[in-house]
């Protein structure tokens, strides 16, 4: 139903690495280095589609709309957009209680809504503490149900939406390292907030007081990866009502078969919107 040509121009901005200080040994610089890329999409659809951002974020083909025996949605459309152009700042810092410190600031011109297209939007903003056993992430990062190892590599930008959970959330994430890995996450809502009586807002999560949480167990081998996770989210739709809690479960695997990679991901849950 869709043909799309994406031209990805990686621009090494070559900006100066700003060094705000260094360790006593004199060999551990820290600061921020800027980079990014320009991404241009040329889009042609053979029929009308259900999308966001002027056709860039494809969801699915529009249903038939029959008038006098003719499907009005069987009409093609074309567009060119560069809203996925991004700016990224990678931060390095001194050790903190024996842990390596780093951070990322990333934004794109995708906007927060269709009316805000071309607007600059925060994607990621987090601090990472790391040692040989743990990674700790504090800030805005991928929703824990978006597993970066197995997300769908779709031709369009949507990465499997509306079936694949696809958002970034402010959070505290702790992950262990090794062949068996545990990840625990406490997070909140920001982009792609919950729908309810007051519209699309994070207020339902904030009023519930209890933050959403996620636990995930992952096994990693040389050519194979698998895992499962459980997600709990508590909402207060209106202040006069009690909290409601909904659960979601994920399971996934990834196997490299010669030159091909096989991914399998499943999700089951309540009130996933």
C-alpha atoms as a PDB file:
ATOM      1  CA  UNK A   1       0.000   0.000   0.000  1.00  0.00           C
ATOM      2  CA  UNK A   2       2.922   2.334   0.516  1.00  0.00           C
ATOM      3  CA  UNK A   3       6.153   3.172  -1.219  1.00  0.00           C
ATOM      4  CA  UNK A   4       8.594   5.363   0.620  1.00  0.00           C
ATOM      5  CA  UNK A   5      12.118   6.470  -0.174  1.00  0.00           C
ATOM      6  CA  UNK A   6      14.129   7.733   2.786  1.00  0.00           C
ATOM      7  CA  UNK A   7      17.307   9.651   2.214  1.00  0.00           C
ATOM      8  CA  UNK A   8      19.407   9.768   5.358  1.00  0.00           C
ATOM      9  CA  UNK A   9      22.158  12.352   5.265  1.00  0.00           C
ATOM     10  CA  UNK A  10      24.448  11.992   8.254  1.00  0.00           C
ATOM     11  CA  UNK A  11      26.002  15.357   8.972  1.00  0.00           C
ATOM     12  CA  UNK A  12      29.000  15.240  11.227  1.00  0.00           C
ATOM     13  CA  UNK A  13      28.626  18.691  12.623  1.00  0.00           C
ATOM     14  CA  UNK A  14      32.203  18.792  13.835  1.00  0.00           C
ATOM     15  CA  UNK A  15      31.390  21.191  16.615  1.00  0.00           C
ATOM     16  CA  UNK A  16      33.984  21.807  19.279  1.00  0.00           C
ATOM     17  CA  UNK A  17      34.099  19.394  22.193  1.00  0.00           C
ATOM     18  CA  UNK A  18      33.581  21.702  25.127  1.00  0.00           C
ATOM     19  CA  UNK A  19      35.738  20.514  28.029  1.00  0.00           C
ATOM     20  CA  UNK A  20      34.596  21.908  31.365  1.00  0.00           C
ATOM     21  CA  UNK A  21      37.216  20.053  33.413  1.00  0.00           C
ATOM     22  CA  UNK A  22      39.193  16.862  33.740  1.00  0.00           C
ATOM     23  CA  UNK A  23      40.352  14.361  36.310  1.00  0.00           C
ATOM     24  CA  UNK A  24      43.440  14.632  38.467  1.00  0.00           C
ATOM     25  CA  UNK A  25      45.220  12.280  36.083  1.00  0.00           C
ATOM     26  CA  UNK A  26      44.599  14.781  33.289  1.00  0.00           C
ATOM     27  CA  UNK A  27      43.295  12.221  30.789  1.00  0.00           C
ATOM     28  CA  UNK A  28      39.548  12.116  31.491  1.00  0.00           C
ATOM     29  CA  UNK A  29      37.919  15.021  29.723  1.00  0.00           C
ATOM     30  CA  UNK A  30      34.264  15.685  30.218  1.00  0.00           C
ATOM     31  CA  UNK A  31      31.724  17.958  28.565  1.00  0.00           C
ATOM     32  CA  UNK A  32      29.274  17.740  25.654  1.00  0.00           C
ATOM     33  CA  UNK A  33      29.754  16.936  21.973  1.00  0.00           C
ATOM     34  CA  UNK A  34      27.041  17.870  19.484  1.00  0.00           C
ATOM     35  CA  UNK A  35      26.021  15.849  16.467  1.00  0.00           C
ATOM     36  CA  UNK A  36      22.936  14.895  14.506  1.00  0.00           C
ATOM     37  CA  UNK A  37      21.607  14.206  11.039  1.00  0.00           C
ATOM     38  CA  UNK A  38      19.236  15.415   8.340  1.00  0.00           C
ATOM     39  CA  UNK A  39      16.577  12.892   7.285  1.00  0.00           C
ATOM     40  CA  UNK A  40      14.379  13.532   4.270  1.00  0.00           C
ATOM     41  CA  UNK A  41      11.377  11.315   3.445  1.00  0.00           C
ATOM     42  CA  UNK A  42       9.680  11.151   0.045  1.00  0.00           C
ATOM     43  CA  UNK A  43       6.291   9.492   0.495  1.00  0.00           C
ATOM     44  CA  UNK A  44       3.833   8.101  -2.014  1.00  0.00           C
ATOM     45  CA  UNK A  45       0.663   6.250  -0.973  1.00  0.00           C
ATOM     46  CA  UNK A  46      -1.509   4.447  -3.480  1.00  0.00           C
ATOM     47  CA  UNK A  47      -4.602   5.247  -1.347  1.00  0.00           C
ATOM     48  CA  UNK A  48      -5.625   7.470   1.545  1.00  0.00           C
ATOM     49  CA  UNK A  49      -4.162   6.405   4.901  1.00  0.00           C
ATOM     50  CA  UNK A  50      -4.671   6.966   8.625  1.00  0.00           C
ATOM     51  CA  UNK A  51      -1.543   8.825   9.701  1.00  0.00           C
ATOM     52  CA  UNK A  52       0.007  11.477  11.922  1.00  0.00           C
ATOM     53  CA  UNK A  53       2.310  14.361  10.960  1.00  0.00           C
ATOM     54  CA  UNK A  54       0.997  14.913   7.426  1.00  0.00           C
ATOM     55  CA  UNK A  55       1.415  11.301   6.361  1.00  0.00           C
ATOM     56  CA  UNK A  56       4.862  10.740   7.865  1.00  0.00           C
ATOM     57  CA  UNK A  57       3.723   8.478  10.735  1.00  0.00           C
ATOM     58  CA  UNK A  58       1.745   5.776   8.930  1.00  0.00           C
ATOM     59  CA  UNK A  59      -0.755   3.747  10.962  1.00  0.00           C
ATOM     60  CA  UNK A  60      -2.825   1.810   8.415  1.00  0.00           C
ATOM     61  CA  UNK A  61      -4.688   2.238   5.096  1.00  0.00           C
ATOM     62  CA  UNK A  62      -7.981   4.107   5.350  1.00  0.00           C
ATOM     63  CA  UNK A  63     -11.135   2.007   5.225  1.00  0.00           C
ATOM     64  CA  UNK A  64     -13.309   2.012   2.158  1.00  0.00           C
ATOM     65  CA  UNK A  65     -15.604   5.032   1.830  1.00  0.00           C
ATOM     66  CA  UNK A  66     -18.119   4.021  -0.814  1.00  0.00           C
ATOM     67  CA  UNK A  67     -20.163   6.726  -2.567  1.00  0.00           C
ATOM     68  CA  UNK A  68     -22.181   5.800  -5.672  1.00  0.00           C
ATOM     69  CA  UNK A  69     -20.177   2.598  -5.982  1.00  0.00           C
ATOM     70  CA  UNK A  70     -16.828   4.398  -5.857  1.00  0.00           C
ATOM     71  CA  UNK A  71     -14.268   4.183  -3.038  1.00  0.00           C
ATOM     72  CA  UNK A  72     -13.352   7.799  -2.302  1.00  0.00           C
ATOM     73  CA  UNK A  73     -10.300   6.693  -0.313  1.00  0.00           C
ATOM     74  CA  UNK A  74      -8.801   4.929  -3.338  1.00  0.00           C
ATOM     75  CA  UNK A  75      -6.908   8.112  -4.160  1.00  0.00           C
ATOM     76  CA  UNK A  76      -3.134   8.480  -4.092  1.00  0.00           C
ATOM     77  CA  UNK A  77      -1.185  11.196  -2.257  1.00  0.00           C
ATOM     78  CA  UNK A  78       2.420  12.423  -2.125  1.00  0.00           C
ATOM     79  CA  UNK A  79       4.502  14.412   0.344  1.00  0.00           C
ATOM     80  CA  UNK A  80       8.075  15.360   1.279  1.00  0.00           C
ATOM     81  CA  UNK A  81       9.085  15.969   4.893  1.00  0.00           C
ATOM     82  CA  UNK A  82      12.304  16.474   6.879  1.00  0.00           C
ATOM     83  CA  UNK A  83      10.769  16.540  10.361  1.00  0.00           C
ATOM     84  CA  UNK A  84      12.884  13.612  11.587  1.00  0.00           C
ATOM     85  CA  UNK A  85      15.999  15.777  11.383  1.00  0.00           C
ATOM     86  CA  UNK A  86      17.687  15.527  14.796  1.00  0.00           C
ATOM     87  CA  UNK A  87      20.175  17.195  17.076  1.00  0.00           C
ATOM     88  CA  UNK A  88      22.007  15.110  19.662  1.00  0.00           C
ATOM     89  CA  UNK A  89      24.304  16.102  22.502  1.00  0.00           C
ATOM     90  CA  UNK A  90      26.447  13.333  24.024  1.00  0.00           C
ATOM     91  CA  UNK A  91      27.746  14.122  27.488  1.00  0.00           C
ATOM     92  CA  UNK A  92      30.735  12.639  29.277  1.00  0.00           C
ATOM     93  CA  UNK A  93      31.599  13.279  32.901  1.00  0.00           C
ATOM     94  CA  UNK A  94      33.865  12.269  35.765  1.00  0.00           C
ATOM     95  CA  UNK A  95      33.429   9.031  37.700  1.00  0.00           C
ATOM     96  CA  UNK A  96      30.796   9.087  40.440  1.00  0.00           C
ATOM     97  CA  UNK A  97      31.379   6.688  43.354  1.00  0.00           C
ATOM     98  CA  UNK A  98      33.242   4.324  41.039  1.00  0.00           C
ATOM     99  CA  UNK A  99      30.676   4.483  38.215  1.00  0.00           C
ATOM    100  CA  UNK A 100      31.210   5.921  34.748  1.00  0.00           C
ATOM    101  CA  UNK A 101      28.889   8.854  34.006  1.00  0.00           C
ATOM    102  CA  UNK A 102      27.418   9.878  30.666  1.00  0.00           C
ATOM    103  CA  UNK A 103      24.300  11.489  29.284  1.00  0.00           C
ATOM    104  CA  UNK A 104      22.305  12.197  26.152  1.00  0.00           C
ATOM    105  CA  UNK A 105      20.162  15.130  25.038  1.00  0.00           C
ATOM    106  CA  UNK A 106      18.277  14.500  21.792  1.00  0.00           C
ATOM    107  CA  UNK A 107      15.535  16.366  19.997  1.00  0.00           C
ATOM    108  CA  UNK A 108      13.816  16.345  16.607  1.00  0.00           C
ATOM    109  CA  UNK A 109      11.507  18.638  14.664  1.00  0.00           C
ATOM    110  CA  UNK A 110       8.631  16.157  14.727  1.00  0.00           C
ATOM    111  CA  UNK A 111       6.486  18.355  16.968  1.00  0.00           C
ATOM    112  CA  UNK A 112       4.235  17.307  19.864  1.00  0.00           C
ATOM    113  CA  UNK A 113       1.075  17.071  17.742  1.00  0.00           C
ATOM    114  CA  UNK A 114      -0.128  17.476  14.164  1.00  0.00           C
ATOM    115  CA  UNK A 115      -0.669  21.194  14.747  1.00  0.00           C
ATOM    116  CA  UNK A 116       2.905  21.506  16.050  1.00  0.00           C
ATOM    117  CA  UNK A 117       4.654  19.759  13.133  1.00  0.00           C
ATOM    118  CA  UNK A 118       8.155  21.223  12.559  1.00  0.00           C
ATOM    119  CA  UNK A 119       8.240  22.152  16.253  1.00  0.00           C
ATOM    120  CA  UNK A 120      11.318  21.050  18.192  1.00  0.00           C
ATOM    121  CA  UNK A 121      10.500  18.137  20.518  1.00  0.00           C
ATOM    122  CA  UNK A 122      12.541  16.459  23.224  1.00  0.00           C
ATOM    123  CA  UNK A 123      13.178  12.780  22.508  1.00  0.00           C
ATOM    124  CA  UNK A 124      15.757  11.637  25.027  1.00  0.00           C
ATOM    125  CA  UNK A 125      17.297  13.421  28.001  1.00  0.00           C
ATOM    126  CA  UNK A 126      18.975  11.204  30.572  1.00  0.00           C
ATOM    127  CA  UNK A 127      21.975  10.663  32.797  1.00  0.00           C
ATOM    128  CA  UNK A 128      23.559   7.200  32.832  1.00  0.00           C
ATOM    129  CA  UNK A 129      25.685   5.681  35.595  1.00  0.00           C
ATOM    130  CA  UNK A 130      27.476   2.482  34.653  1.00  0.00           C
ATOM    131  CA  UNK A 131      29.921  -0.065  36.044  1.00  0.00           C
ATOM    132  CA  UNK A 132      30.680  -3.715  35.358  1.00  0.00           C
ATOM    133  CA  UNK A 133      27.481  -4.908  37.043  1.00  0.00           C
ATOM    134  CA  UNK A 134      24.826  -2.182  36.650  1.00  0.00           C
ATOM    135  CA  UNK A 135      23.445   0.515  34.388  1.00  0.00           C
ATOM    136  CA  UNK A 136      21.319   3.237  36.014  1.00  0.00           C
ATOM    137  CA  UNK A 137      19.361   5.635  33.783  1.00  0.00           C
ATOM    138  CA  UNK A 138      17.640   8.750  35.166  1.00  0.00           C
ATOM    139  CA  UNK A 139      15.645  10.922  32.788  1.00  0.00           C
ATOM    140  CA  UNK A 140      13.584  10.497  29.623  1.00  0.00           C
ATOM    141  CA  UNK A 141      14.232   7.269  27.725  1.00  0.00           C
ATOM    142  CA  UNK A 142      12.350   4.520  25.879  1.00  0.00           C
ATOM    143  CA  UNK A 143       9.255   3.035  27.515  1.00  0.00           C
ATOM    144  CA  UNK A 144      10.375  -0.305  29.038  1.00  0.00           C
ATOM    145  CA  UNK A 145       7.922  -2.211  26.806  1.00  0.00           C
ATOM    146  CA  UNK A 146       9.793  -0.865  23.776  1.00  0.00           C
ATOM    147  CA  UNK A 147      12.645  -3.395  23.673  1.00  0.00           C
ATOM    148  CA  UNK A 148      15.343  -1.909  21.463  1.00  0.00           C
ATOM    149  CA  UNK A 149      16.751  -5.354  20.616  1.00  0.00           C
ATOM    150  CA  UNK A 150      13.571  -6.646  18.953  1.00  0.00           C
ATOM    151  CA  UNK A 151      11.386  -3.723  17.829  1.00  0.00           C
ATOM    152  CA  UNK A 152       9.916  -4.091  14.307  1.00  0.00           C
ATOM    153  CA  UNK A 153      12.104  -2.680  11.537  1.00  0.00           C
ATOM    154  CA  UNK A 154       9.198  -1.391   9.468  1.00  0.00           C
ATOM    155  CA  UNK A 155       9.664   0.501   6.212  1.00  0.00           C
ATOM    156  CA  UNK A 156       7.674   3.418   7.584  1.00  0.00           C
ATOM    157  CA  UNK A 157       8.811   5.299  10.687  1.00  0.00           C
ATOM    158  CA  UNK A 158       6.088   3.846  12.937  1.00  0.00           C
ATOM    159  CA  UNK A 159       8.073   0.773  14.183  1.00  0.00           C
ATOM    160  CA  UNK A 160       4.943  -1.361  14.454  1.00  0.00           C
ATOM    161  CA  UNK A 161       2.433   1.099  15.945  1.00  0.00           C
ATOM    162  CA  UNK A 162      -0.417   0.683  16.887  1.00  0.00           C
ATOM    163  CA  UNK A 163       0.564  -2.791  18.168  1.00  0.00           C
ATOM    164  CA  UNK A 164       4.100  -2.040  19.380  1.00  0.00           C
ATOM    165  CA  UNK A 165       4.269   0.251  22.457  1.00  0.00           C
ATOM    166  CA  UNK A 166       6.231   3.246  21.189  1.00  0.00           C
ATOM    167  CA  UNK A 167       6.922   6.160  23.510  1.00  0.00           C
ATOM    168  CA  UNK A 168       9.584   7.777  25.654  1.00  0.00           C
ATOM    169  CA  UNK A 169       8.942   8.357  29.351  1.00  0.00           C
ATOM    170  CA  UNK A 170      10.641  10.123  32.275  1.00  0.00           C
ATOM    171  CA  UNK A 171      11.922   7.289  34.436  1.00  0.00           C
ATOM    172  CA  UNK A 172      14.367   5.679  36.823  1.00  0.00           C
ATOM    173  CA  UNK A 173      15.752   2.476  35.302  1.00  0.00           C
ATOM    174  CA  UNK A 174      18.151  -0.035  36.858  1.00  0.00           C
ATOM    175  CA  UNK A 175      19.518  -2.865  34.694  1.00  0.00           C
ATOM    176  CA  UNK A 176      21.954  -5.611  35.552  1.00  0.00           C
ATOM    177  CA  UNK A 177      24.570  -6.951  33.147  1.00  0.00           C
ATOM    178  CA  UNK A 178      25.590 -10.492  32.188  1.00  0.00           C
ATOM    179  CA  UNK A 179      23.957 -13.453  30.439  1.00  0.00           C
ATOM    180  CA  UNK A 180      20.833 -13.127  32.652  1.00  0.00           C
ATOM    181  CA  UNK A 181      19.718  -9.516  32.996  1.00  0.00           C
ATOM    182  CA  UNK A 182      17.065  -7.938  35.190  1.00  0.00           C
ATOM    183  CA  UNK A 183      15.568  -4.512  34.499  1.00  0.00           C
ATOM    184  CA  UNK A 184      13.365  -2.575  36.903  1.00  0.00           C
ATOM    185  CA  UNK A 185      11.741   0.737  35.936  1.00  0.00           C
ATOM    186  CA  UNK A 186       9.656   3.382  37.701  1.00  0.00           C
ATOM    187  CA  UNK A 187       8.275   5.889  35.194  1.00  0.00           C
ATOM    188  CA  UNK A 188       5.693   8.576  34.529  1.00  0.00           C
ATOM    189  CA  UNK A 189       3.756   9.902  31.549  1.00  0.00           C
ATOM    190  CA  UNK A 190       4.733  12.730  29.223  1.00  0.00           C
ATOM    191  CA  UNK A 191       4.544  12.215  25.445  1.00  0.00           C
ATOM    192  CA  UNK A 192       1.656   9.996  24.281  1.00  0.00           C
ATOM    193  CA  UNK A 193      -0.196  10.517  27.559  1.00  0.00           C
ATOM    194  CA  UNK A 194      -3.329   8.654  28.653  1.00  0.00           C
ATOM    195  CA  UNK A 195      -6.729   9.410  27.127  1.00  0.00           C
ATOM    196  CA  UNK A 196      -9.586  10.148  29.502  1.00  0.00           C
ATOM    197  CA  UNK A 197     -12.429  12.440  30.507  1.00  0.00           C
ATOM    198  CA  UNK A 198     -10.127  15.482  30.695  1.00  0.00           C
ATOM    199  CA  UNK A 199      -8.528  14.723  27.329  1.00  0.00           C
ATOM    200  CA  UNK A 200      -5.019  13.431  26.653  1.00  0.00           C
ATOM    201  CA  UNK A 201      -2.959  14.274  29.724  1.00  0.00           C
ATOM    202  CA  UNK A 202      -0.553  12.814  32.283  1.00  0.00           C
ATOM    203  CA  UNK A 203      -2.812  14.074  35.110  1.00  0.00           C
ATOM    204  CA  UNK A 204      -4.468  10.655  35.565  1.00  0.00           C
ATOM    205  CA  UNK A 205      -1.085   9.092  36.341  1.00  0.00           C
ATOM    206  CA  UNK A 206       0.069  11.992  38.538  1.00  0.00           C
ATOM    207  CA  UNK A 207      -3.130  11.975  40.592  1.00  0.00           C
ATOM    208  CA  UNK A 208      -2.779   8.247  41.219  1.00  0.00           C
ATOM    209  CA  UNK A 209       0.472   9.035  43.123  1.00  0.00           C
ATOM    210  CA  UNK A 210       1.764   5.487  42.552  1.00  0.00           C
ATOM    211  CA  UNK A 211       4.103   5.589  39.518  1.00  0.00           C
ATOM    212  CA  UNK A 212       3.802   2.979  36.768  1.00  0.00           C
ATOM    213  CA  UNK A 213       6.403   0.246  37.156  1.00  0.00           C
ATOM    214  CA  UNK A 214       7.913  -2.473  35.027  1.00  0.00           C
ATOM    215  CA  UNK A 215      10.021  -5.575  35.664  1.00  0.00           C
ATOM    216  CA  UNK A 216      11.766  -7.510  32.909  1.00  0.00           C
ATOM    217  CA  UNK A 217      14.010 -10.569  32.771  1.00  0.00           C
ATOM    218  CA  UNK A 218      16.226 -11.161  29.737  1.00  0.00           C
ATOM    219  CA  UNK A 219      18.540 -14.021  28.742  1.00  0.00           C
ATOM    220  CA  UNK A 220      21.336 -13.263  26.280  1.00  0.00           C
ATOM    221  CA  UNK A 221      23.358 -15.773  24.267  1.00  0.00           C
ATOM    222  CA  UNK A 222      25.830 -15.508  21.427  1.00  0.00           C
ATOM    223  CA  UNK A 223      23.226 -15.668  18.646  1.00  0.00           C
ATOM    224  CA  UNK A 224      19.947 -15.652  20.574  1.00  0.00           C
ATOM    225  CA  UNK A 225      18.119 -13.382  22.984  1.00  0.00           C
ATOM    226  CA  UNK A 226      14.854 -13.777  24.840  1.00  0.00           C
ATOM    227  CA  UNK A 227      12.900 -12.168  27.619  1.00  0.00           C
ATOM    228  CA  UNK A 228       9.632 -11.447  29.338  1.00  0.00           C
ATOM    229  CA  UNK A 229       8.248  -8.532  31.297  1.00  0.00           C
ATOM    230  CA  UNK A 230       5.290  -7.319  33.307  1.00  0.00           C
ATOM    231  CA  UNK A 231       3.974  -3.753  33.449  1.00  0.00           C
ATOM    232  CA  UNK A 232       1.717  -2.177  36.110  1.00  0.00           C
ATOM    233  CA  UNK A 233       0.037   1.186  35.582  1.00  0.00           C
ATOM    234  CA  UNK A 234      -2.258   2.918  38.078  1.00  0.00           C
ATOM    235  CA  UNK A 235      -4.606   5.754  37.083  1.00  0.00           C
ATOM    236  CA  UNK A 236      -7.090   8.038  38.818  1.00  0.00           C
ATOM    237  CA  UNK A 237      -9.507   9.079  36.024  1.00  0.00           C
ATOM    238  CA  UNK A 238     -11.298  11.641  38.235  1.00  0.00           C
ATOM    239  CA  UNK A 239     -10.480  12.833  41.748  1.00  0.00           C
ATOM    240  CA  UNK A 240     -13.769  11.528  43.214  1.00  0.00           C
ATOM    241  CA  UNK A 241     -13.051   7.970  42.025  1.00  0.00           C
ATOM    242  CA  UNK A 242     -10.704   5.272  43.255  1.00  0.00           C
ATOM    243  CA  UNK A 243      -7.540   4.328  41.424  1.00  0.00           C
ATOM    244  CA  UNK A 244      -7.711   1.725  38.684  1.00  0.00           C
ATOM    245  CA  UNK A 245      -4.767  -0.530  37.859  1.00  0.00           C
ATOM    246  CA  UNK A 246      -4.113  -2.192  34.531  1.00  0.00           C
ATOM    247  CA  UNK A 247      -1.497  -4.798  33.713  1.00  0.00           C
ATOM    248  CA  UNK A 248       0.417  -5.686  30.580  1.00  0.00           C
ATOM    249  CA  UNK A 249       2.755  -8.544  29.717  1.00  0.00           C
ATOM    250  CA  UNK A 250       5.391  -8.882  27.015  1.00  0.00           C
ATOM    251  CA  UNK A 251       7.447 -11.779  25.705  1.00  0.00           C
ATOM    252  CA  UNK A 252      10.056 -11.722  22.963  1.00  0.00           C
ATOM    253  CA  UNK A 253      12.948 -13.512  21.328  1.00  0.00           C
ATOM    254  CA  UNK A 254      15.591 -12.824  18.715  1.00  0.00           C
ATOM    255  CA  UNK A 255      17.616 -15.402  16.816  1.00  0.00           C
ATOM    256  CA  UNK A 256      20.263 -14.891  14.172  1.00  0.00           C
ATOM    257  CA  UNK A 257      19.949 -17.523  11.451  1.00  0.00           C
ATOM    258  CA  UNK A 258      22.921 -17.152   9.148  1.00  0.00           C
ATOM    259  CA  UNK A 259      22.592 -13.827   7.364  1.00  0.00           C
ATOM    260  CA  UNK A 260      18.979 -13.382   8.552  1.00  0.00           C
ATOM    261  CA  UNK A 261      17.626 -12.289  11.927  1.00  0.00           C
ATOM    262  CA  UNK A 262      14.312 -13.611  13.265  1.00  0.00           C
ATOM    263  CA  UNK A 263      12.396 -11.465  15.770  1.00  0.00           C
ATOM    264  CA  UNK A 264       9.271 -12.420  17.699  1.00  0.00           C
ATOM    265  CA  UNK A 265       7.450 -10.052  20.078  1.00  0.00           C
ATOM    266  CA  UNK A 266       4.072 -10.341  21.777  1.00  0.00           C
ATOM    267  CA  UNK A 267       2.113  -8.046  24.075  1.00  0.00           C
ATOM    268  CA  UNK A 268      -1.096  -8.610  26.035  1.00  0.00           C
ATOM    269  CA  UNK A 269      -2.641  -6.044  28.326  1.00  0.00           C
ATOM    270  CA  UNK A 270      -5.541  -3.984  29.625  1.00  0.00           C
ATOM    271  CA  UNK A 271      -6.384  -0.386  28.664  1.00  0.00           C
ATOM    272  CA  UNK A 272      -3.173  -0.116  26.643  1.00  0.00           C
ATOM    273  CA  UNK A 273      -4.158   3.297  25.282  1.00  0.00           C
END
